[in-house]
Amino acid sequence: MSATIPPGAVAYQRTPTFTETTIPDALRKDHATKAGAWGLIRVEHGTLRYVVTDHQRTPTERILTPSAEPGVVEPTILHHVEPLGPVRFHVEFLRLP
């Protein structure tokens, strides 16, 4: 079962658009959002692999494209992304009011 954003969550921040050459190294390595911060990985162009590696979840991998549902990042859960060729994407952060 994939994660879902809780009802009532509101966007509060957005990253710049990243490309395969501008993805920060921190996003390519396992990292997590802070408690209470959800994320939506939105691919604008190309293909991005989204991998959840946290021991609290079943390891999962999704291929994200502009026509696919965004990748949902759960608070405090380790994950990373890998470009699969040319890509443009951003992350929108949400939290409960």
PDB file of N, CA and C in Angstrom:
ATOM      1  N   MET A   1       0.841  -1.183   0.000  1.00  0.00           N
ATOM      2  CA  MET A   1       0.000   0.000   0.000  1.00  0.00           C
ATOM      3  C   MET A   1       0.885   1.244   0.000  1.00  0.00           C
ATOM      4  N   SER A   2       0.600   2.182  -0.876  1.00  0.00           N
ATOM      5  CA  SER A   2       1.420   3.386  -0.934  1.00  0.00           C
ATOM      6  C   SER A   2       0.889   4.432   0.042  1.00  0.00           C
ATOM      7  N   ALA A   3       1.756   5.317   0.447  1.00  0.00           N
ATOM      8  CA  ALA A   3       1.407   6.367   1.397  1.00  0.00           C
ATOM      9  C   ALA A   3       0.489   7.391   0.737  1.00  0.00           C
ATOM     10  N   THR A   4      -0.319   8.027   1.556  1.00  0.00           N
ATOM     11  CA  THR A   4      -1.180   9.102   1.069  1.00  0.00           C
ATOM     12  C   THR A   4      -1.034  10.312   1.981  1.00  0.00           C
ATOM     13  N   ILE A   5      -1.218  11.472   1.405  1.00  0.00           N
ATOM     14  CA  ILE A   5      -1.177  12.717   2.164  1.00  0.00           C
ATOM     15  C   ILE A   5      -2.437  12.772   3.033  1.00  0.00           C
ATOM     16  N   PRO A   6      -2.315  13.139   4.310  1.00  0.00           N
ATOM     17  CA  PRO A   6      -3.513  13.189   5.150  1.00  0.00           C
ATOM     18  C   PRO A   6      -4.485  14.274   4.699  1.00  0.00           C
ATOM     19  N   PRO A   7      -5.775  14.021   4.828  1.00  0.00           N
ATOM     20  CA  PRO A   7      -6.762  15.048   4.476  1.00  0.00           C
ATOM     21  C   PRO A   7      -6.508  16.316   5.287  1.00  0.00           C
ATOM     22  N   GLY A   8      -6.659  17.449   4.651  1.00  0.00           N
ATOM     23  CA  GLY A   8      -6.470  18.727   5.332  1.00  0.00           C
ATOM     24  C   GLY A   8      -5.051  19.259   5.300  1.00  0.00           C
ATOM     25  N   ALA A   9      -4.093  18.456   4.804  1.00  0.00           N
ATOM     26  CA  ALA A   9      -2.708  18.935   4.725  1.00  0.00           C
ATOM     27  C   ALA A   9      -2.620  20.078   3.721  1.00  0.00           C
ATOM     28  N   VAL A  10      -1.818  21.067   4.045  1.00  0.00           N
ATOM     29  CA  VAL A  10      -1.676  22.239   3.177  1.00  0.00           C
ATOM     30  C   VAL A  10      -0.213  22.420   2.772  1.00  0.00           C
ATOM     31  N   ALA A  11      -0.018  22.897   1.551  1.00  0.00           N
ATOM     32  CA  ALA A  11       1.332  23.156   1.041  1.00  0.00           C
ATOM     33  C   ALA A  11       1.910  24.374   1.751  1.00  0.00           C
ATOM     34  N   TYR A  12       3.206  24.299   2.102  1.00  0.00           N
ATOM     35  CA  TYR A  12       3.849  25.431   2.740  1.00  0.00           C
ATOM     36  C   TYR A  12       5.203  25.789   2.122  1.00  0.00           C
ATOM     37  N   GLN A  13       5.721  24.934   1.252  1.00  0.00           N
ATOM     38  CA  GLN A  13       7.020  25.213   0.639  1.00  0.00           C
ATOM     39  C   GLN A  13       7.174  24.375  -0.613  1.00  0.00           C
ATOM     40  N   ARG A  14       8.010  24.864  -1.538  1.00  0.00           N
ATOM     41  CA  ARG A  14       8.287  24.139  -2.783  1.00  0.00           C
ATOM     42  C   ARG A  14       9.755  24.337  -3.121  1.00  0.00           C
ATOM     43  N   THR A  15      10.388  23.278  -3.575  1.00  0.00           N
ATOM     44  CA  THR A  15      11.783  23.395  -3.996  1.00  0.00           C
ATOM     45  C   THR A  15      11.830  24.045  -5.374  1.00  0.00           C
ATOM     46  N   PRO A  16      13.010  24.489  -5.774  1.00  0.00           N
ATOM     47  CA  PRO A  16      13.163  24.863  -7.185  1.00  0.00           C
ATOM     48  C   PRO A  16      12.992  23.609  -8.042  1.00  0.00           C
ATOM     49  N   THR A  17      12.887  23.795  -9.340  1.00  0.00           N
ATOM     50  CA  THR A  17      12.875  22.660 -10.257  1.00  0.00           C
ATOM     51  C   THR A  17      14.314  22.173 -10.412  1.00  0.00           C
ATOM     52  N   PHE A  18      14.507  20.876 -10.206  1.00  0.00           N
ATOM     53  CA  PHE A  18      15.819  20.249 -10.365  1.00  0.00           C
ATOM     54  C   PHE A  18      15.863  19.500 -11.683  1.00  0.00           C
ATOM     55  N   THR A  19      17.066  19.344 -12.224  1.00  0.00           N
ATOM     56  CA  THR A  19      17.294  18.508 -13.404  1.00  0.00           C
ATOM     57  C   THR A  19      18.273  17.407 -13.014  1.00  0.00           C
ATOM     58  N   GLU A  20      18.541  16.521 -13.971  1.00  0.00           N
ATOM     59  CA  GLU A  20      19.491  15.437 -13.701  1.00  0.00           C
ATOM     60  C   GLU A  20      20.869  15.965 -13.319  1.00  0.00           C
ATOM     61  N   THR A  21      21.200  17.183 -13.724  1.00  0.00           N
ATOM     62  CA  THR A  21      22.516  17.741 -13.393  1.00  0.00           C
ATOM     63  C   THR A  21      22.492  18.655 -12.173  1.00  0.00           C
ATOM     64  N   THR A  22      21.308  19.053 -11.714  1.00  0.00           N
ATOM     65  CA  THR A  22      21.242  19.979 -10.569  1.00  0.00           C
ATOM     66  C   THR A  22      20.637  19.353  -9.309  1.00  0.00           C
ATOM     67  N   ILE A  23      20.324  18.060  -9.342  1.00  0.00           N
ATOM     68  CA  ILE A  23      19.787  17.415  -8.132  1.00  0.00           C
ATOM     69  C   ILE A  23      20.843  17.504  -7.039  1.00  0.00           C
ATOM     70  N   PRO A  24      20.489  18.063  -5.889  1.00  0.00           N
ATOM     71  CA  PRO A  24      21.459  18.094  -4.790  1.00  0.00           C
ATOM     72  C   PRO A  24      21.870  16.669  -4.392  1.00  0.00           C
ATOM     73  N   ASP A  25      23.148  16.511  -4.053  1.00  0.00           N
ATOM     74  CA  ASP A  25      23.641  15.193  -3.636  1.00  0.00           C
ATOM     75  C   ASP A  25      22.816  14.626  -2.489  1.00  0.00           C
ATOM     76  N   ALA A  26      22.328  15.494  -1.607  1.00  0.00           N
ATOM     77  CA  ALA A  26      21.550  15.039  -0.454  1.00  0.00           C
ATOM     78  C   ALA A  26      20.288  14.295  -0.880  1.00  0.00           C
ATOM     79  N   LEU A  27      19.703  14.655  -2.025  1.00  0.00           N
ATOM     80  CA  LEU A  27      18.492  13.970  -2.482  1.00  0.00           C
ATOM     81  C   LEU A  27      18.802  12.622  -3.123  1.00  0.00           C
ATOM     82  N   ARG A  28      20.036  12.467  -3.586  1.00  0.00           N
ATOM     83  CA  ARG A  28      20.450  11.194  -4.199  1.00  0.00           C
ATOM     84  C   ARG A  28      20.810  10.154  -3.143  1.00  0.00           C
ATOM     85  N   LYS A  29      21.030  10.595  -1.915  1.00  0.00           N
ATOM     86  CA  LYS A  29      21.370   9.714  -0.791  1.00  0.00           C
ATOM     87  C   LYS A  29      20.142   9.588   0.105  1.00  0.00           C
ATOM     88  N   ASP A  30      20.126   8.540   0.926  1.00  0.00           N
ATOM     89  CA  ASP A  30      19.011   8.396   1.858  1.00  0.00           C
ATOM     90  C   ASP A  30      18.897   9.629   2.740  1.00  0.00           C
ATOM     91  N   HIS A  31      17.685  10.134   2.851  1.00  0.00           N
ATOM     92  CA  HIS A  31      17.383  11.294   3.691  1.00  0.00           C
ATOM     93  C   HIS A  31      15.908  11.209   4.066  1.00  0.00           C
ATOM     94  N   ALA A  32      15.485  12.065   4.975  1.00  0.00           N
ATOM     95  CA  ALA A  32      14.095  12.054   5.431  1.00  0.00           C
ATOM     96  C   ALA A  32      13.639  13.475   5.695  1.00  0.00           C
ATOM     97  N   THR A  33      12.333  13.686   5.591  1.00  0.00           N
ATOM     98  CA  THR A  33      11.757  14.971   5.987  1.00  0.00           C
ATOM     99  C   THR A  33      11.598  14.968   7.499  1.00  0.00           C
ATOM    100  N   LYS A  34      11.381  16.143   8.056  1.00  0.00           N
ATOM    101  CA  LYS A  34      11.196  16.248   9.507  1.00  0.00           C
ATOM    102  C   LYS A  34       9.811  15.728   9.895  1.00  0.00           C
ATOM    103  N   ALA A  35       9.615  15.511  11.171  1.00  0.00           N
ATOM    104  CA  ALA A  35       8.318  15.058  11.680  1.00  0.00           C
ATOM    105  C   ALA A  35       7.244  16.053  11.259  1.00  0.00           C
ATOM    106  N   GLY A  36       6.137  15.546  10.753  1.00  0.00           N
ATOM    107  CA  GLY A  36       5.024  16.387  10.352  1.00  0.00           C
ATOM    108  C   GLY A  36       5.108  16.963   8.947  1.00  0.00           C
ATOM    109  N   ALA A  37       6.226  16.728   8.247  1.00  0.00           N
ATOM    110  CA  ALA A  37       6.401  17.270   6.897  1.00  0.00           C
ATOM    111  C   ALA A  37       6.247  16.158   5.863  1.00  0.00           C
ATOM    112  N   TRP A  38       5.226  16.280   5.043  1.00  0.00           N
ATOM    113  CA  TRP A  38       4.985  15.366   3.934  1.00  0.00           C
ATOM    114  C   TRP A  38       5.543  15.988   2.670  1.00  0.00           C
ATOM    115  N   GLY A  39       5.822  15.177   1.675  1.00  0.00           N
ATOM    116  CA  GLY A  39       6.312  15.695   0.403  1.00  0.00           C
ATOM    117  C   GLY A  39       5.601  15.057  -0.770  1.00  0.00           C
ATOM    118  N   LEU A  40       5.472  15.833  -1.843  1.00  0.00           N
ATOM    119  CA  LEU A  40       4.969  15.311  -3.120  1.00  0.00           C
ATOM    120  C   LEU A  40       6.055  15.561  -4.158  1.00  0.00           C
ATOM    121  N   ILE A  41       6.601  14.493  -4.715  1.00  0.00           N
ATOM    122  CA  ILE A  41       7.614  14.604  -5.764  1.00  0.00           C
ATOM    123  C   ILE A  41       6.876  14.676  -7.088  1.00  0.00           C
ATOM    124  N   ARG A  42       6.974  15.813  -7.758  1.00  0.00           N
ATOM    125  CA  ARG A  42       6.236  16.041  -9.003  1.00  0.00           C
ATOM    126  C   ARG A  42       7.223  16.124 -10.175  1.00  0.00           C
ATOM    127  N   VAL A  43       7.157  15.134 -11.057  1.00  0.00           N
ATOM    128  CA  VAL A  43       8.016  15.111 -12.234  1.00  0.00           C
ATOM    129  C   VAL A  43       7.362  15.961 -13.320  1.00  0.00           C
ATOM    130  N   GLU A  44       8.111  16.916 -13.828  1.00  0.00           N
ATOM    131  CA  GLU A  44       7.629  17.815 -14.880  1.00  0.00           C
ATOM    132  C   GLU A  44       7.970  17.277 -16.269  1.00  0.00           C
ATOM    133  N   HIS A  45       9.101  16.576 -16.373  1.00  0.00           N
ATOM    134  CA  HIS A  45       9.576  16.032 -17.651  1.00  0.00           C
ATOM    135  C   HIS A  45      10.531  14.891 -17.344  1.00  0.00           C
ATOM    136  N   GLY A  46      10.449  13.819 -18.107  1.00  0.00           N
ATOM    137  CA  GLY A  46      11.396  12.720 -17.958  1.00  0.00           C
ATOM    138  C   GLY A  46      10.947  11.690 -16.946  1.00  0.00           C
ATOM    139  N   THR A  47      11.940  10.994 -16.390  1.00  0.00           N
ATOM    140  CA  THR A  47      11.678   9.857 -15.510  1.00  0.00           C
ATOM    141  C   THR A  47      12.602   9.899 -14.305  1.00  0.00           C
ATOM    142  N   LEU A  48      12.023   9.606 -13.135  1.00  0.00           N
ATOM    143  CA  LEU A  48      12.762   9.644 -11.871  1.00  0.00           C
ATOM    144  C   LEU A  48      12.419   8.396 -11.069  1.00  0.00           C
ATOM    145  N   ARG A  49      13.441   7.732 -10.540  1.00  0.00           N
ATOM    146  CA  ARG A  49      13.219   6.581  -9.649  1.00  0.00           C
ATOM    147  C   ARG A  49      13.140   7.115  -8.219  1.00  0.00           C
ATOM    148  N   TYR A  50      12.077   6.723  -7.496  1.00  0.00           N
ATOM    149  CA  TYR A  50      11.872   7.104  -6.100  1.00  0.00           C
ATOM    150  C   TYR A  50      11.933   5.827  -5.277  1.00  0.00           C
ATOM    151  N   VAL A  51      12.880   5.768  -4.327  1.00  0.00           N
ATOM    152  CA  VAL A  51      13.134   4.552  -3.572  1.00  0.00           C
ATOM    153  C   VAL A  51      12.966   4.828  -2.078  1.00  0.00           C
ATOM    154  N   VAL A  52      12.100   4.055  -1.422  1.00  0.00           N
ATOM    155  CA  VAL A  52      11.922   4.128   0.027  1.00  0.00           C
ATOM    156  C   VAL A  52      12.760   3.008   0.635  1.00  0.00           C
ATOM    157  N   THR A  53      13.680   3.374   1.529  1.00  0.00           N
ATOM    158  CA  THR A  53      14.626   2.415   2.089  1.00  0.00           C
ATOM    159  C   THR A  53      14.491   2.246   3.601  1.00  0.00           C
ATOM    160  N   ASP A  54      13.600   2.984   4.219  1.00  0.00           N
ATOM    161  CA  ASP A  54      13.471   2.984   5.675  1.00  0.00           C
ATOM    162  C   ASP A  54      13.071   1.612   6.201  1.00  0.00           C
ATOM    163  N   HIS A  55      13.691   1.199   7.306  1.00  0.00           N
ATOM    164  CA  HIS A  55      13.383  -0.111   7.888  1.00  0.00           C
ATOM    165  C   HIS A  55      11.966  -0.188   8.470  1.00  0.00           C
ATOM    166  N   GLN A  56      11.313   0.961   8.653  1.00  0.00           N
ATOM    167  CA  GLN A  56       9.945   0.980   9.184  1.00  0.00           C
ATOM    168  C   GLN A  56       8.897   0.673   8.102  1.00  0.00           C
ATOM    169  N   ARG A  57       9.321   0.592   6.860  1.00  0.00           N
ATOM    170  CA  ARG A  57       8.417   0.346   5.730  1.00  0.00           C
ATOM    171  C   ARG A  57       8.970  -0.799   4.888  1.00  0.00           C
ATOM    172  N   THR A  58       8.085  -1.426   4.126  1.00  0.00           N
ATOM    173  CA  THR A  58       8.528  -2.397   3.142  1.00  0.00           C
ATOM    174  C   THR A  58       9.295  -1.624   2.075  1.00  0.00           C
ATOM    175  N   PRO A  59      10.506  -2.047   1.728  1.00  0.00           N
ATOM    176  CA  PRO A  59      11.246  -1.324   0.688  1.00  0.00           C
ATOM    177  C   PRO A  59      10.417  -1.246  -0.594  1.00  0.00           C
ATOM    178  N   THR A  60      10.346  -0.051  -1.164  1.00  0.00           N
ATOM    179  CA  THR A  60       9.580   0.130  -2.390  1.00  0.00           C
ATOM    180  C   THR A  60      10.356   0.997  -3.357  1.00  0.00           C
ATOM    181  N   GLU A  61      10.023   0.839  -4.615  1.00  0.00           N
ATOM    182  CA  GLU A  61      10.615   1.630  -5.683  1.00  0.00           C
ATOM    183  C   GLU A  61       9.500   1.979  -6.659  1.00  0.00           C
ATOM    184  N   ARG A  62       9.442   3.249  -7.040  1.00  0.00           N
ATOM    185  CA  ARG A  62       8.457   3.689  -8.033  1.00  0.00           C
ATOM    186  C   ARG A  62       9.174   4.473  -9.113  1.00  0.00           C
ATOM    187  N   ILE A  63       8.707   4.327 -10.319  1.00  0.00           N
ATOM    188  CA  ILE A  63       9.195   5.137 -11.428  1.00  0.00           C
ATOM    189  C   ILE A  63       8.180   6.262 -11.609  1.00  0.00           C
ATOM    190  N   LEU A  64       8.647   7.492 -11.434  1.00  0.00           N
ATOM    191  CA  LEU A  64       7.781   8.666 -11.524  1.00  0.00           C
ATOM    192  C   LEU A  64       7.949   9.329 -12.886  1.00  0.00           C
ATOM    193  N   THR A  65       6.821   9.692 -13.489  1.00  0.00           N
ATOM    194  CA  THR A  65       6.792  10.395 -14.766  1.00  0.00           C
ATOM    195  C   THR A  65       5.766  11.521 -14.665  1.00  0.00           C
ATOM    196  N   PRO A  66       5.728  12.427 -15.636  1.00  0.00           N
ATOM    197  CA  PRO A  66       4.731  13.497 -15.581  1.00  0.00           C
ATOM    198  C   PRO A  66       3.289  12.988 -15.559  1.00  0.00           C
ATOM    199  N   SER A  67       3.024  11.842 -16.163  1.00  0.00           N
ATOM    200  CA  SER A  67       1.654  11.336 -16.212  1.00  0.00           C
ATOM    201  C   SER A  67       1.299  10.436 -15.025  1.00  0.00           C
ATOM    202  N   ALA A  68       2.281  10.100 -14.191  1.00  0.00           N
ATOM    203  CA  ALA A  68       2.035   9.250 -13.025  1.00  0.00           C
ATOM    204  C   ALA A  68       1.645  10.108 -11.829  1.00  0.00           C
ATOM    205  N   GLU A  69       1.050   9.471 -10.838  1.00  0.00           N
ATOM    206  CA  GLU A  69       0.777  10.153  -9.574  1.00  0.00           C
ATOM    207  C   GLU A  69       2.109  10.584  -8.964  1.00  0.00           C
ATOM    208  N   PRO A  70       2.126  11.709  -8.246  1.00  0.00           N
ATOM    209  CA  PRO A  70       3.378  12.140  -7.609  1.00  0.00           C
ATOM    210  C   PRO A  70       3.848  11.112  -6.577  1.00  0.00           C
ATOM    211  N   GLY A  71       5.134  11.121  -6.313  1.00  0.00           N
ATOM    212  CA  GLY A  71       5.674  10.289  -5.243  1.00  0.00           C
ATOM    213  C   GLY A  71       5.341  10.929  -3.910  1.00  0.00           C
ATOM    214  N   VAL A  72       4.812  10.141  -2.984  1.00  0.00           N
ATOM    215  CA  VAL A  72       4.449  10.650  -1.662  1.00  0.00           C
ATOM    216  C   VAL A  72       5.560  10.315  -0.679  1.00  0.00           C
ATOM    217  N   VAL A  73       6.086  11.349  -0.028  1.00  0.00           N
ATOM    218  CA  VAL A  73       7.144  11.208   0.968  1.00  0.00           C
ATOM    219  C   VAL A  73       6.510  11.333   2.345  1.00  0.00           C
ATOM    220  N   GLU A  74       6.659  10.295   3.157  1.00  0.00           N
ATOM    221  CA  GLU A  74       6.136  10.327   4.519  1.00  0.00           C
ATOM    222  C   GLU A  74       7.140  10.990   5.465  1.00  0.00           C
ATOM    223  N   PRO A  75       6.648  11.657   6.493  1.00  0.00           N
ATOM    224  CA  PRO A  75       7.557  12.273   7.467  1.00  0.00           C
ATOM    225  C   PRO A  75       8.504  11.242   8.087  1.00  0.00           C
ATOM    226  N   THR A  76       9.750  11.601   8.221  1.00  0.00           N
ATOM    227  CA  THR A  76      10.828  10.848   8.888  1.00  0.00           C
ATOM    228  C   THR A  76      11.201   9.528   8.223  1.00  0.00           C
ATOM    229  N   ILE A  77      10.653   9.206   7.051  1.00  0.00           N
ATOM    230  CA  ILE A  77      10.928   7.926   6.388  1.00  0.00           C
ATOM    231  C   ILE A  77      12.063   8.101   5.368  1.00  0.00           C
ATOM    232  N   LEU A  78      13.109   7.293   5.506  1.00  0.00           N
ATOM    233  CA  LEU A  78      14.272   7.394   4.619  1.00  0.00           C
ATOM    234  C   LEU A  78      13.912   7.040   3.176  1.00  0.00           C
ATOM    235  N   HIS A  79      14.464   7.834   2.270  1.00  0.00           N
ATOM    236  CA  HIS A  79      14.209   7.641   0.842  1.00  0.00           C
ATOM    237  C   HIS A  79      15.283   8.364   0.046  1.00  0.00           C
ATOM    238  N   HIS A  80      15.329   8.104  -1.256  1.00  0.00           N
ATOM    239  CA  HIS A  80      16.211   8.856  -2.163  1.00  0.00           C
ATOM    240  C   HIS A  80      15.630   8.790  -3.573  1.00  0.00           C
ATOM    241  N   VAL A  81      16.184   9.616  -4.457  1.00  0.00           N
ATOM    242  CA  VAL A  81      15.749   9.625  -5.855  1.00  0.00           C
ATOM    243  C   VAL A  81      16.953   9.434  -6.770  1.00  0.00           C
ATOM    244  N   GLU A  82      16.678   8.903  -7.956  1.00  0.00           N
ATOM    245  CA  GLU A  82      17.714   8.693  -8.974  1.00  0.00           C
ATOM    246  C   GLU A  82      17.134   9.097 -10.327  1.00  0.00           C
ATOM    247  N   PRO A  83      17.801   9.990 -11.053  1.00  0.00           N
ATOM    248  CA  PRO A  83      17.309  10.326 -12.395  1.00  0.00           C
ATOM    249  C   PRO A  83      17.544   9.157 -13.342  1.00  0.00           C
ATOM    250  N   LEU A  84      16.595   8.965 -14.245  1.00  0.00           N
ATOM    251  CA  LEU A  84      16.731   7.945 -15.285  1.00  0.00           C
ATOM    252  C   LEU A  84      16.780   8.674 -16.620  1.00  0.00           C
ATOM    253  N   GLY A  85      17.906   9.339 -16.862  1.00  0.00           N
ATOM    254  CA  GLY A  85      18.043  10.168 -18.046  1.00  0.00           C
ATOM    255  C   GLY A  85      17.639  11.602 -17.732  1.00  0.00           C
ATOM    256  N   PRO A  86      17.394  12.389 -18.768  1.00  0.00           N
ATOM    257  CA  PRO A  86      16.997  13.782 -18.565  1.00  0.00           C
ATOM    258  C   PRO A  86      15.686  13.854 -17.771  1.00  0.00           C
ATOM    259  N   VAL A  87      15.654  14.729 -16.776  1.00  0.00           N
ATOM    260  CA  VAL A  87      14.475  14.857 -15.924  1.00  0.00           C
ATOM    261  C   VAL A  87      14.376  16.275 -15.374  1.00  0.00           C
ATOM    262  N   ARG A  88      13.160  16.715 -15.116  1.00  0.00           N
ATOM    263  CA  ARG A  88      12.889  17.948 -14.376  1.00  0.00           C
ATOM    264  C   ARG A  88      11.821  17.607 -13.345  1.00  0.00           C
ATOM    265  N   PHE A  89      12.068  17.985 -12.076  1.00  0.00           N
ATOM    266  CA  PHE A  89      11.090  17.700 -11.022  1.00  0.00           C
ATOM    267  C   PHE A  89      11.250  18.696  -9.887  1.00  0.00           C
ATOM    268  N   HIS A  90      10.227  18.756  -9.064  1.00  0.00           N
ATOM    269  CA  HIS A  90      10.303  19.560  -7.837  1.00  0.00           C
ATOM    270  C   HIS A  90       9.575  18.804  -6.732  1.00  0.00           C
ATOM    271  N   VAL A  91       9.768  19.275  -5.508  1.00  0.00           N
ATOM    272  CA  VAL A  91       9.108  18.676  -4.353  1.00  0.00           C
ATOM    273  C   VAL A  91       8.269  19.746  -3.680  1.00  0.00           C
ATOM    274  N   GLU A  92       7.022  19.409  -3.424  1.00  0.00           N
ATOM    275  CA  GLU A  92       6.114  20.285  -2.703  1.00  0.00           C
ATOM    276  C   GLU A  92       5.966  19.721  -1.291  1.00  0.00           C
ATOM    277  N   PHE A  93       6.124  20.566  -0.275  1.00  0.00           N
ATOM    278  CA  PHE A  93       6.020  20.126   1.115  1.00  0.00           C
ATOM    279  C   PHE A  93       4.684  20.545   1.697  1.00  0.00           C
ATOM    280  N   LEU A  94       4.091  19.628   2.465  1.00  0.00           N
ATOM    281  CA  LEU A  94       2.781  19.867   3.064  1.00  0.00           C
ATOM    282  C   LEU A  94       2.828  19.496   4.548  1.00  0.00           C
ATOM    283  N   ARG A  95       1.900  20.075   5.309  1.00  0.00           N
ATOM    284  CA  ARG A  95       1.761  19.721   6.720  1.00  0.00           C
ATOM    285  C   ARG A  95       0.320  19.978   7.132  1.00  0.00           C
ATOM    286  N   LEU A  96      -0.057  19.397   8.241  1.00  0.00           N
ATOM    287  CA  LEU A  96      -1.395  19.651   8.778  1.00  0.00           C
ATOM    288  C   LEU A  96      -1.377  21.003   9.480  1.00  0.00           C
ATOM    289  N   PRO A  97      -2.478  21.775   9.351  1.00  0.00           N
ATOM    290  CA  PRO A  97      -2.511  23.094  10.000  1.00  0.00           C
ATOM    291  C   PRO A  97      -2.474  22.972  11.528  1.00  0.00           C
TER     292      PRO A  97
END
